[in-house]
């Protein structure tokens, strides 16, 4: 494996909030070699409940369009529980309006789908200080 693709995030945790199983499986496959613990929530409500149980994730990859409460509302609720939580919006809707709405909701950053592996790794690395 090319060293630029290897990140050792053992002991770190990533919550992927994604309702599409294909998209989750793709992200999970990308993150698996990093040794980070990957958690999955299909809906915003599930992400909030999981956060209440776990109480900490190093990074949250948040889909904006979710069934039930939106990713933006989920982000607001997670930030209400922990103002320092790192939430990166991930969405196929990359128009400026979505980007601005994500930042207004409290997301730290934004990545457009389809997600390119190197871009995602560099973005997460920025917040893990790795």
N, C-alpha and C. Protein backbone atom coordinates (compact mmCIF):
# COMPACT_ATOMS: atom_id res chain seq x y z
N UNK A 1 0.85 -1.18 0.00
CA UNK A 1 0.00 0.00 0.00
C UNK A 1 0.89 1.24 0.00
N UNK A 2 0.58 2.18 -0.85
CA UNK A 2 1.31 3.43 -0.93
C UNK A 2 1.21 4.14 0.42
N UNK A 3 2.32 4.62 0.95
CA UNK A 3 2.34 5.21 2.29
C UNK A 3 1.43 6.43 2.41
N UNK A 4 1.19 7.15 1.30
CA UNK A 4 0.32 8.32 1.40
C UNK A 4 -1.11 7.92 1.74
N UNK A 5 -1.44 6.65 1.55
CA UNK A 5 -2.80 6.19 1.84
C UNK A 5 -2.90 5.59 3.23
N UNK A 6 -1.80 5.46 3.93
CA UNK A 6 -1.86 4.82 5.24
C UNK A 6 -1.88 5.85 6.35
N UNK A 7 -2.89 5.73 7.15
CA UNK A 7 -3.01 6.56 8.34
C UNK A 7 -3.27 5.62 9.51
N UNK A 8 -2.55 5.80 10.59
CA UNK A 8 -2.77 4.98 11.77
C UNK A 8 -3.57 5.78 12.78
N UNK A 9 -4.85 5.48 12.82
CA UNK A 9 -5.75 6.17 13.74
C UNK A 9 -6.28 5.21 14.80
N UNK A 10 -5.43 4.24 15.17
CA UNK A 10 -5.80 3.32 16.24
C UNK A 10 -6.11 4.14 17.50
N UNK A 11 -7.19 3.80 18.16
CA UNK A 11 -7.60 4.52 19.36
C UNK A 11 -8.51 5.70 19.05
N UNK A 12 -8.71 6.01 17.79
CA UNK A 12 -9.61 7.09 17.38
C UNK A 12 -10.95 6.47 16.97
N UNK A 13 -12.01 7.30 17.00
CA UNK A 13 -13.33 6.81 16.61
C UNK A 13 -13.98 7.77 15.63
N UNK A 14 -14.66 7.17 14.65
CA UNK A 14 -15.36 7.94 13.62
C UNK A 14 -16.80 7.44 13.57
N UNK A 15 -17.73 8.38 13.69
CA UNK A 15 -19.14 8.06 13.52
C UNK A 15 -19.54 8.47 12.11
N UNK A 16 -20.02 7.51 11.33
CA UNK A 16 -20.50 7.78 9.98
C UNK A 16 -22.02 7.77 10.03
N UNK A 17 -22.62 8.92 9.79
CA UNK A 17 -24.08 9.04 9.77
C UNK A 17 -24.47 9.06 8.30
N UNK A 18 -24.98 7.93 7.84
CA UNK A 18 -25.23 7.72 6.41
C UNK A 18 -26.36 6.71 6.24
N UNK A 19 -27.41 7.12 5.51
CA UNK A 19 -28.56 6.23 5.33
C UNK A 19 -28.41 5.28 4.16
N UNK A 20 -27.51 5.56 3.24
CA UNK A 20 -27.33 4.70 2.07
C UNK A 20 -26.29 3.63 2.40
N UNK A 21 -26.68 2.35 2.38
CA UNK A 21 -25.73 1.29 2.76
C UNK A 21 -24.51 1.21 1.84
N UNK A 22 -24.68 1.52 0.57
CA UNK A 22 -23.54 1.48 -0.35
C UNK A 22 -22.53 2.57 0.04
N UNK A 23 -23.01 3.76 0.32
CA UNK A 23 -22.11 4.84 0.74
C UNK A 23 -21.43 4.51 2.06
N UNK A 24 -22.18 3.94 3.02
CA UNK A 24 -21.56 3.57 4.29
C UNK A 24 -20.49 2.51 4.08
N UNK A 25 -20.80 1.48 3.30
CA UNK A 25 -19.83 0.40 3.07
C UNK A 25 -18.56 0.93 2.42
N UNK A 26 -18.69 1.89 1.52
CA UNK A 26 -17.54 2.50 0.87
C UNK A 26 -16.67 3.23 1.92
N UNK A 27 -17.31 4.06 2.74
CA UNK A 27 -16.56 4.80 3.77
C UNK A 27 -15.94 3.86 4.78
N UNK A 28 -16.67 2.84 5.18
CA UNK A 28 -16.17 1.86 6.13
C UNK A 28 -14.94 1.14 5.55
N UNK A 29 -15.00 0.76 4.28
CA UNK A 29 -13.87 0.09 3.64
C UNK A 29 -12.65 1.01 3.56
N UNK A 30 -12.88 2.29 3.31
CA UNK A 30 -11.76 3.24 3.28
C UNK A 30 -11.13 3.41 4.66
N UNK A 31 -11.99 3.47 5.68
CA UNK A 31 -11.50 3.74 7.04
C UNK A 31 -10.90 2.52 7.73
N UNK A 32 -11.31 1.33 7.34
CA UNK A 32 -10.86 0.11 8.02
C UNK A 32 -9.34 0.00 8.13
N UNK A 33 -8.57 0.26 7.06
CA UNK A 33 -7.11 0.15 7.18
C UNK A 33 -6.48 1.15 8.15
N UNK A 34 -7.20 2.21 8.51
CA UNK A 34 -6.65 3.22 9.42
C UNK A 34 -6.67 2.74 10.87
N UNK A 35 -7.41 1.66 11.14
CA UNK A 35 -7.56 1.07 12.46
C UNK A 35 -8.42 1.93 13.39
N UNK A 36 -9.06 2.98 12.84
CA UNK A 36 -10.01 3.75 13.65
C UNK A 36 -11.24 2.88 13.89
N UNK A 37 -11.88 3.08 15.03
CA UNK A 37 -13.14 2.39 15.33
C UNK A 37 -14.24 3.15 14.58
N UNK A 38 -14.96 2.45 13.70
CA UNK A 38 -16.00 3.07 12.90
C UNK A 38 -17.37 2.67 13.45
N UNK A 39 -18.17 3.67 13.73
CA UNK A 39 -19.55 3.47 14.17
C UNK A 39 -20.46 3.94 13.05
N UNK A 40 -21.67 3.39 13.01
CA UNK A 40 -22.61 3.73 11.95
C UNK A 40 -23.97 4.06 12.53
N UNK A 41 -24.56 5.13 12.02
CA UNK A 41 -25.94 5.48 12.32
C UNK A 41 -26.62 5.78 10.99
N UNK A 42 -27.79 5.20 10.78
CA UNK A 42 -28.51 5.40 9.51
C UNK A 42 -29.38 6.65 9.54
N UNK A 43 -29.77 7.10 10.71
CA UNK A 43 -30.65 8.26 10.85
C UNK A 43 -30.08 9.19 11.90
N UNK A 44 -30.53 10.43 11.84
CA UNK A 44 -30.08 11.41 12.81
C UNK A 44 -30.42 11.01 14.23
N UNK A 45 -31.62 10.49 14.41
CA UNK A 45 -32.04 10.06 15.74
C UNK A 45 -31.11 8.97 16.29
N UNK A 46 -30.68 8.05 15.39
CA UNK A 46 -29.76 6.99 15.80
C UNK A 46 -28.40 7.57 16.19
N UNK A 47 -27.94 8.59 15.47
CA UNK A 47 -26.66 9.22 15.78
C UNK A 47 -26.70 9.88 17.15
N UNK A 48 -27.79 10.55 17.45
CA UNK A 48 -27.93 11.23 18.74
C UNK A 48 -27.96 10.20 19.87
N UNK A 49 -28.71 9.13 19.68
CA UNK A 49 -28.78 8.08 20.70
C UNK A 49 -27.42 7.41 20.89
N UNK A 50 -26.73 7.14 19.80
CA UNK A 50 -25.40 6.53 19.89
C UNK A 50 -24.44 7.46 20.61
N UNK A 51 -24.52 8.76 20.32
CA UNK A 51 -23.65 9.71 21.01
C UNK A 51 -23.94 9.73 22.50
N UNK A 52 -25.20 9.64 22.87
CA UNK A 52 -25.54 9.60 24.31
C UNK A 52 -24.92 8.39 24.99
N UNK A 53 -24.82 7.27 24.28
CA UNK A 53 -24.24 6.04 24.85
C UNK A 53 -22.72 6.09 24.88
N UNK A 54 -22.12 6.55 23.78
CA UNK A 54 -20.67 6.53 23.63
C UNK A 54 -20.02 7.77 24.25
N UNK A 55 -20.67 8.92 24.12
CA UNK A 55 -20.23 10.21 24.68
C UNK A 55 -19.03 10.84 24.00
N UNK A 56 -18.44 10.19 23.03
CA UNK A 56 -17.31 10.81 22.37
C UNK A 56 -17.01 10.14 21.04
N UNK A 57 -16.82 10.95 20.02
CA UNK A 57 -16.28 10.51 18.73
C UNK A 57 -15.25 11.55 18.34
N UNK A 58 -14.15 11.12 17.76
CA UNK A 58 -13.14 12.07 17.31
C UNK A 58 -13.63 12.87 16.12
N UNK A 59 -14.36 12.20 15.23
CA UNK A 59 -14.89 12.84 14.03
C UNK A 59 -16.25 12.23 13.71
N UNK A 60 -17.17 13.07 13.24
CA UNK A 60 -18.46 12.61 12.74
C UNK A 60 -18.54 13.00 11.27
N UNK A 61 -18.76 12.01 10.40
CA UNK A 61 -19.03 12.27 8.99
C UNK A 61 -20.54 12.26 8.84
N UNK A 62 -21.13 13.43 8.59
CA UNK A 62 -22.57 13.61 8.64
C UNK A 62 -23.17 13.82 7.26
N UNK A 63 -24.00 12.86 6.84
CA UNK A 63 -24.77 13.06 5.62
C UNK A 63 -25.80 14.16 5.91
N UNK A 64 -26.00 15.05 4.99
CA UNK A 64 -26.93 16.16 5.19
C UNK A 64 -28.39 15.71 5.00
N UNK A 65 -28.61 14.89 3.98
CA UNK A 65 -29.97 14.43 3.67
C UNK A 65 -30.19 13.07 4.31
N UNK A 66 -30.99 13.04 5.36
CA UNK A 66 -31.27 11.81 6.10
C UNK A 66 -32.78 11.66 6.26
N UNK A 67 -33.24 10.42 6.41
CA UNK A 67 -34.65 10.24 6.76
C UNK A 67 -34.87 10.71 8.20
N UNK A 68 -36.05 11.21 8.50
CA UNK A 68 -36.30 11.73 9.85
C UNK A 68 -35.67 13.11 9.96
N UNK A 69 -34.99 13.37 11.08
CA UNK A 69 -34.37 14.68 11.22
C UNK A 69 -33.16 14.77 10.29
N UNK A 70 -32.94 15.95 9.76
CA UNK A 70 -31.86 16.14 8.80
C UNK A 70 -30.49 16.06 9.47
N UNK A 71 -29.48 15.94 8.64
CA UNK A 71 -28.12 15.97 9.16
C UNK A 71 -27.78 17.31 9.79
N UNK A 72 -28.39 18.38 9.28
CA UNK A 72 -28.14 19.70 9.85
C UNK A 72 -28.71 19.78 11.26
N UNK A 73 -29.94 19.31 11.44
CA UNK A 73 -30.54 19.32 12.78
C UNK A 73 -29.80 18.36 13.71
N UNK A 74 -29.39 17.22 13.19
CA UNK A 74 -28.62 16.27 14.00
C UNK A 74 -27.33 16.93 14.48
N UNK A 75 -26.67 17.66 13.58
CA UNK A 75 -25.44 18.37 13.95
C UNK A 75 -25.71 19.37 15.07
N UNK A 76 -26.77 20.14 14.94
CA UNK A 76 -27.12 21.11 15.99
C UNK A 76 -27.30 20.42 17.34
N UNK A 77 -27.98 19.27 17.33
CA UNK A 77 -28.24 18.57 18.59
C UNK A 77 -26.95 17.97 19.16
N UNK A 78 -26.07 17.46 18.31
CA UNK A 78 -24.79 16.94 18.80
C UNK A 78 -23.95 18.07 19.40
N UNK A 79 -23.95 19.21 18.76
CA UNK A 79 -23.19 20.36 19.27
C UNK A 79 -23.77 20.85 20.59
N UNK A 80 -25.08 20.74 20.75
CA UNK A 80 -25.70 21.12 22.02
C UNK A 80 -25.19 20.22 23.15
N UNK A 81 -24.83 18.98 22.83
CA UNK A 81 -24.30 18.06 23.84
C UNK A 81 -22.80 18.23 24.04
N UNK A 82 -22.09 18.68 22.97
CA UNK A 82 -20.64 18.85 23.05
C UNK A 82 -20.23 19.91 22.02
N UNK A 83 -19.97 21.10 22.50
CA UNK A 83 -19.66 22.21 21.58
C UNK A 83 -18.35 21.99 20.82
N UNK A 84 -17.52 21.05 21.25
CA UNK A 84 -16.23 20.80 20.58
C UNK A 84 -16.26 19.63 19.61
N UNK A 85 -17.43 19.05 19.39
CA UNK A 85 -17.51 17.89 18.49
C UNK A 85 -17.14 18.30 17.07
N UNK A 86 -16.41 17.44 16.39
CA UNK A 86 -15.98 17.70 15.01
C UNK A 86 -16.96 16.99 14.08
N UNK A 87 -17.74 17.79 13.36
CA UNK A 87 -18.70 17.25 12.40
C UNK A 87 -18.30 17.74 11.01
N UNK A 88 -18.10 16.78 10.11
CA UNK A 88 -17.80 17.09 8.72
C UNK A 88 -19.01 16.70 7.90
N UNK A 89 -19.60 17.68 7.23
CA UNK A 89 -20.76 17.42 6.38
C UNK A 89 -20.30 16.66 5.14
N UNK A 90 -21.08 15.66 4.74
CA UNK A 90 -20.80 14.94 3.50
C UNK A 90 -22.13 14.79 2.77
N UNK A 91 -22.13 15.27 1.53
CA UNK A 91 -23.36 15.25 0.77
C UNK A 91 -23.11 15.31 -0.73
N UNK A 92 -24.06 14.76 -1.48
CA UNK A 92 -24.01 14.84 -2.94
C UNK A 92 -24.46 16.22 -3.40
N UNK A 93 -25.07 16.97 -2.51
CA UNK A 93 -25.57 18.31 -2.84
C UNK A 93 -24.50 19.32 -2.48
N UNK A 94 -23.64 19.61 -3.44
CA UNK A 94 -22.46 20.43 -3.17
C UNK A 94 -22.66 21.90 -3.49
N UNK A 95 -23.89 22.31 -3.78
CA UNK A 95 -24.13 23.72 -4.08
C UNK A 95 -23.75 24.57 -2.87
N UNK A 96 -23.45 25.83 -3.14
CA UNK A 96 -23.01 26.74 -2.08
C UNK A 96 -24.02 26.85 -0.95
N UNK A 97 -25.32 26.78 -1.27
CA UNK A 97 -26.35 26.86 -0.24
C UNK A 97 -26.18 25.76 0.80
N UNK A 98 -25.92 24.52 0.34
CA UNK A 98 -25.75 23.40 1.27
C UNK A 98 -24.49 23.58 2.11
N UNK A 99 -23.45 24.04 1.48
CA UNK A 99 -22.18 24.28 2.19
C UNK A 99 -22.40 25.32 3.30
N UNK A 100 -23.05 26.42 2.95
CA UNK A 100 -23.31 27.49 3.92
C UNK A 100 -24.21 26.99 5.04
N UNK A 101 -25.25 26.24 4.70
CA UNK A 101 -26.16 25.70 5.72
C UNK A 101 -25.42 24.75 6.66
N UNK A 102 -24.49 23.97 6.12
CA UNK A 102 -23.72 23.05 6.96
C UNK A 102 -22.87 23.82 7.97
N UNK A 103 -22.21 24.87 7.52
CA UNK A 103 -21.40 25.67 8.43
C UNK A 103 -22.26 26.39 9.46
N UNK A 104 -23.41 26.89 9.04
CA UNK A 104 -24.32 27.56 9.97
C UNK A 104 -24.84 26.59 11.03
N UNK A 105 -25.01 25.32 10.67
CA UNK A 105 -25.47 24.31 11.62
C UNK A 105 -24.38 23.92 12.61
N UNK A 106 -23.11 24.26 12.28
CA UNK A 106 -22.02 23.96 13.19
C UNK A 106 -21.00 22.97 12.66
N UNK A 107 -21.15 22.54 11.42
CA UNK A 107 -20.16 21.64 10.84
C UNK A 107 -18.82 22.36 10.74
N UNK A 108 -17.75 21.63 10.96
CA UNK A 108 -16.40 22.19 10.89
C UNK A 108 -15.90 22.24 9.45
N UNK A 109 -16.40 21.31 8.63
CA UNK A 109 -15.91 21.22 7.26
C UNK A 109 -16.96 20.53 6.41
N UNK A 110 -16.65 20.38 5.12
CA UNK A 110 -17.61 19.92 4.13
C UNK A 110 -16.87 19.11 3.09
N UNK A 111 -17.43 17.97 2.71
CA UNK A 111 -16.86 17.17 1.62
C UNK A 111 -18.01 16.74 0.72
N UNK A 112 -17.80 16.90 -0.59
CA UNK A 112 -18.84 16.57 -1.56
C UNK A 112 -18.70 15.12 -2.01
N UNK A 113 -19.85 14.49 -2.23
CA UNK A 113 -19.88 13.15 -2.81
C UNK A 113 -19.85 13.30 -4.32
N UNK A 114 -19.26 12.39 -5.04
CA UNK A 114 -18.63 11.18 -4.53
C UNK A 114 -17.33 11.53 -3.80
N UNK A 115 -17.16 10.90 -2.66
CA UNK A 115 -16.01 11.18 -1.81
C UNK A 115 -14.77 10.51 -2.37
N UNK A 116 -13.73 11.32 -2.55
CA UNK A 116 -12.44 10.79 -2.99
C UNK A 116 -11.63 10.45 -1.74
N UNK A 117 -11.05 9.28 -1.73
CA UNK A 117 -10.36 8.77 -0.55
C UNK A 117 -9.33 9.74 -0.01
N UNK A 118 -8.42 10.19 -0.85
CA UNK A 118 -7.33 11.04 -0.38
C UNK A 118 -7.86 12.34 0.23
N UNK A 119 -8.89 12.91 -0.39
CA UNK A 119 -9.48 14.14 0.13
C UNK A 119 -10.09 13.90 1.52
N UNK A 120 -10.79 12.77 1.67
CA UNK A 120 -11.38 12.45 2.97
C UNK A 120 -10.31 12.23 4.03
N UNK A 121 -9.27 11.47 3.69
CA UNK A 121 -8.20 11.21 4.67
C UNK A 121 -7.53 12.50 5.12
N UNK A 122 -7.22 13.38 4.19
CA UNK A 122 -6.56 14.63 4.54
C UNK A 122 -7.47 15.50 5.40
N UNK A 123 -8.75 15.49 5.11
CA UNK A 123 -9.71 16.28 5.90
C UNK A 123 -9.80 15.74 7.32
N UNK A 124 -9.93 14.45 7.47
CA UNK A 124 -10.01 13.85 8.81
C UNK A 124 -8.69 14.07 9.56
N UNK A 125 -7.59 13.89 8.87
CA UNK A 125 -6.26 14.07 9.48
C UNK A 125 -6.14 15.48 10.08
N UNK A 126 -6.67 16.46 9.38
CA UNK A 126 -6.63 17.85 9.85
C UNK A 126 -7.26 17.97 11.24
N UNK A 127 -8.33 17.24 11.50
CA UNK A 127 -9.03 17.35 12.77
C UNK A 127 -8.52 16.37 13.83
N UNK A 128 -7.83 15.34 13.40
CA UNK A 128 -7.25 14.41 14.39
C UNK A 128 -5.86 14.86 14.81
N UNK A 129 -5.33 15.89 14.14
CA UNK A 129 -3.97 16.36 14.40
C UNK A 129 -2.98 15.22 14.29
N UNK A 130 -3.23 14.34 13.32
CA UNK A 130 -2.35 13.16 13.15
C UNK A 130 -1.30 13.42 12.09
